[in-house]
C-alpha atoms as a PDB file:
ATOM      1  CA  MET A   1      -8.494  12.907   0.701  1.00  0.00           C
ATOM      2  CA  ILE A   2      -7.664  12.760  -2.962  1.00  0.00           C
ATOM      3  CA  ALA A   3      -9.078  15.775  -4.621  1.00  0.00           C
ATOM      4  CA  ALA A   4     -11.912  15.115  -7.072  1.00  0.00           C
ATOM      5  CA  ASP A   5     -10.072  16.696  -9.968  1.00  0.00           C
ATOM      6  CA  ASP A   6      -6.776  14.843  -9.316  1.00  0.00           C
ATOM      7  CA  THR A   7      -6.437  12.171 -12.087  1.00  0.00           C
ATOM      8  CA  ARG A   8      -2.830  11.040 -11.245  1.00  0.00           C
ATOM      9  CA  PRO A   9      -2.479   7.333 -10.848  1.00  0.00           C
ATOM     10  CA  ARG A  10      -1.380   5.994  -7.464  1.00  0.00           C
ATOM     11  CA  VAL A  11      -0.437   2.432  -8.735  1.00  0.00           C
ATOM     12  CA  HIS A  12       1.542   1.195 -11.653  1.00  0.00           C
ATOM     13  CA  HIS A  13       1.000  -2.070 -13.562  1.00  0.00           C
ATOM     14  CA  SER A  14       4.414  -3.753 -13.566  1.00  0.00           C
ATOM     15  CA  ASP A  15       5.926  -5.834 -16.372  1.00  0.00           C
ATOM     16  CA  GLY A  16       5.498  -8.884 -13.986  1.00  0.00           C
ATOM     17  CA  GLY A  17       1.779  -8.309 -13.892  1.00  0.00           C
ATOM     18  CA  GLU A  18       1.527  -6.883 -10.298  1.00  0.00           C
ATOM     19  CA  TRP A  19       0.251  -3.403  -9.263  1.00  0.00           C
ATOM     20  CA  VAL A  20       2.972  -1.620  -7.524  1.00  0.00           C
ATOM     21  CA  PHE A  21       3.019   1.531  -5.388  1.00  0.00           C
ATOM     22  CA  GLU A  22       5.483   3.633  -3.242  1.00  0.00           C
ATOM     23  CA  CYS A  23       4.818   2.953   0.446  1.00  0.00           C
ATOM     24  CA  PRO A  24       5.396   6.059   2.455  1.00  0.00           C
ATOM     25  CA  GLY A  25       5.966   4.027   5.655  1.00  0.00           C
ATOM     26  CA  CYS A  26       8.538   1.718   4.280  1.00  0.00           C
ATOM     27  CA  CYS A  27       9.989   4.247   1.601  1.00  0.00           C
ATOM     28  CA  CYS A  28       9.995   1.401  -0.910  1.00  0.00           C
ATOM     29  CA  LEU A  29       7.879  -0.243  -3.563  1.00  0.00           C
ATOM     30  CA  HIS A  30       5.206  -2.774  -2.524  1.00  0.00           C
ATOM     31  CA  ALA A  31       3.144  -4.925  -4.937  1.00  0.00           C
ATOM     32  CA  PHE A  32      -0.282  -6.467  -5.137  1.00  0.00           C
ATOM     33  CA  GLY A  33      -0.376  -9.777  -6.845  1.00  0.00           C
ATOM     34  CA  LYS A  34      -2.990 -11.973  -8.525  1.00  0.00           C
ATOM     35  CA  ASN A  35      -4.234 -13.057  -5.125  1.00  0.00           C
ATOM     36  CA  HIS A  36      -5.601  -9.572  -4.490  1.00  0.00           C
ATOM     37  CA  ALA A  37      -8.900  -8.233  -5.914  1.00  0.00           C
ATOM     38  CA  PHE A  38      -8.463  -4.778  -7.487  1.00  0.00           C
ATOM     39  CA  ASN A  39     -11.223  -2.286  -8.328  1.00  0.00           C
ATOM     40  CA  GLY A  40      -9.505  -1.317 -11.558  1.00  0.00           C
ATOM     41  CA  ASP A  41      -9.148   2.310 -10.570  1.00  0.00           C
ATOM     42  CA  ALA A  42      -5.436   3.384 -10.681  1.00  0.00           C
ATOM     43  CA  VAL A  43      -6.303   6.841  -9.313  1.00  0.00           C
ATOM     44  CA  ARG A  44      -8.451   5.695  -6.255  1.00  0.00           C
ATOM     45  CA  PRO A  45      -7.424   2.044  -5.963  1.00  0.00           C
ATOM     46  CA  THR A  46      -8.984  -0.423  -3.625  1.00  0.00           C
ATOM     47  CA  PHE A  47      -7.264  -3.939  -3.093  1.00  0.00           C
ATOM     48  CA  LEU A  48      -8.661  -6.846  -1.021  1.00  0.00           C
ATOM     49  CA  PRO A  49      -7.519  -8.555   1.080  1.00  0.00           C
ATOM     50  CA  ALA A  50      -5.104  -6.292   3.087  1.00  0.00           C
ATOM     51  CA  LEU A  51      -1.435  -6.035   2.115  1.00  0.00           C
ATOM     52  CA  LEU A  52       0.980  -7.738   4.442  1.00  0.00           C
ATOM     53  CA  ILE A  53       4.766  -7.460   3.798  1.00  0.00           C
ATOM     54  CA  GLY A  54       7.239  -9.066   6.151  1.00  0.00           C
ATOM     55  CA  SER A  55       6.497 -10.874   9.402  1.00  0.00           C
ATOM     56  CA  VAL A  56       7.356 -10.355  13.043  1.00  0.00           C
ATOM     57  CA  THR A  57       7.675 -13.369  15.414  1.00  0.00           C
ATOM     58  CA  ALA A  58       7.563 -12.675  19.160  1.00  0.00           C
ATOM     59  CA  GLY A  59      11.033 -11.931  20.454  1.00  0.00           C
ATOM     60  CA  THR A  60      12.609 -11.023  17.179  1.00  0.00           C
ATOM     61  CA  VAL A  61      14.344  -7.592  16.557  1.00  0.00           C
ATOM     62  CA  GLY A  62      14.804  -5.760  13.414  1.00  0.00           C
ATOM     63  CA  ILE A  63      12.342  -7.390  11.050  1.00  0.00           C
ATOM     64  CA  ARG A  64      10.004  -4.981   9.201  1.00  0.00           C
ATOM     65  CA  ARG A  65       6.382  -5.501   8.694  1.00  0.00           C
ATOM     66  CA  CYS A  66       3.969  -3.405   6.792  1.00  0.00           C
ATOM     67  CA  HIS A  67       0.193  -4.333   7.088  1.00  0.00           C
ATOM     68  CA  ALA A  68      -2.280  -1.966   5.416  1.00  0.00           C
ATOM     69  CA  HIS A  69      -5.742  -1.787   3.913  1.00  0.00           C
ATOM     70  CA  VAL A  70      -5.943   0.044   0.657  1.00  0.00           C
ATOM     71  CA  THR A  71      -9.405   1.814   0.025  1.00  0.00           C
ATOM     72  CA  GLU A  72     -10.196   4.428  -2.582  1.00  0.00           C
ATOM     73  CA  GLY A  73      -6.616   5.554  -2.777  1.00  0.00           C
ATOM     74  CA  ARG A  74      -6.009   5.794   0.945  1.00  0.00           C
ATOM     75  CA  LEU A  75      -3.551   3.489   2.977  1.00  0.00           C
ATOM     76  CA  GLN A  76      -4.790   2.480   6.467  1.00  0.00           C
ATOM     77  CA  PHE A  77      -1.749   1.255   8.195  1.00  0.00           C
ATOM     78  CA  LEU A  78      -2.596  -1.328  10.947  1.00  0.00           C
ATOM     79  CA  SER A  79      -0.994  -1.096  14.348  1.00  0.00           C
ATOM     80  CA  ASP A  80       1.032  -4.162  13.811  1.00  0.00           C
ATOM     81  CA  SER A  81       3.170  -2.299  11.210  1.00  0.00           C
ATOM     82  CA  THR A  82       6.655  -1.631  12.395  1.00  0.00           C
ATOM     83  CA  HIS A  83       7.201   1.834  10.754  1.00  0.00           C
ATOM     84  CA  ALA A  84       6.216   5.375  11.998  1.00  0.00           C
ATOM     85  CA  LEU A  85       2.873   5.318  10.040  1.00  0.00           C
ATOM     86  CA  ALA A  86       1.534   2.309  12.058  1.00  0.00           C
ATOM     87  CA  GLY A  87      -2.080   3.169  13.222  1.00  0.00           C
ATOM     88  CA  HIS A  88      -2.388   6.021  10.713  1.00  0.00           C
ATOM     89  CA  THR A  89      -4.351   6.556   7.461  1.00  0.00           C
ATOM     90  CA  VAL A  90      -2.782   8.632   4.603  1.00  0.00           C
ATOM     91  CA  ASP A  91      -3.474   9.270   0.902  1.00  0.00           C
ATOM     92  CA  MET A  92      -1.366   7.245  -1.499  1.00  0.00           C
ATOM     93  CA  GLU A  93       1.217   9.443  -3.343  1.00  0.00           C
ATOM     94  CA  PRO A  94       0.923   9.722  -7.191  1.00  0.00           C
ATOM     95  CA  TRP A  95       3.062   7.191  -9.162  1.00  0.00           C
ATOM     96  CA  GLN A  96       6.499   8.826  -9.725  1.00  0.00           C
ATOM     97  CA  GLN A  97       8.692   6.099 -11.116  1.00  0.00           C
END
């Protein structure tokens, strides 16, 4: 859990108008666009609906998928994600960029 006295933002508002964060599962930036509702809290962000990056079709190999709920600064990676954090919930890291 993010400590109550931790005020470091987890997301950054980009020049393109999206909210971005560093995904610990994919080790790259992901963005929430205008089709996502945002609670307005950069320290403990919540976005709806879930984030879905990439796609996987039955029988394909090597395609990455990241599927996660973001609630109060925590990433709940769904089991259909293709990285090591699939099925796990972790705190978002503070924005470092």
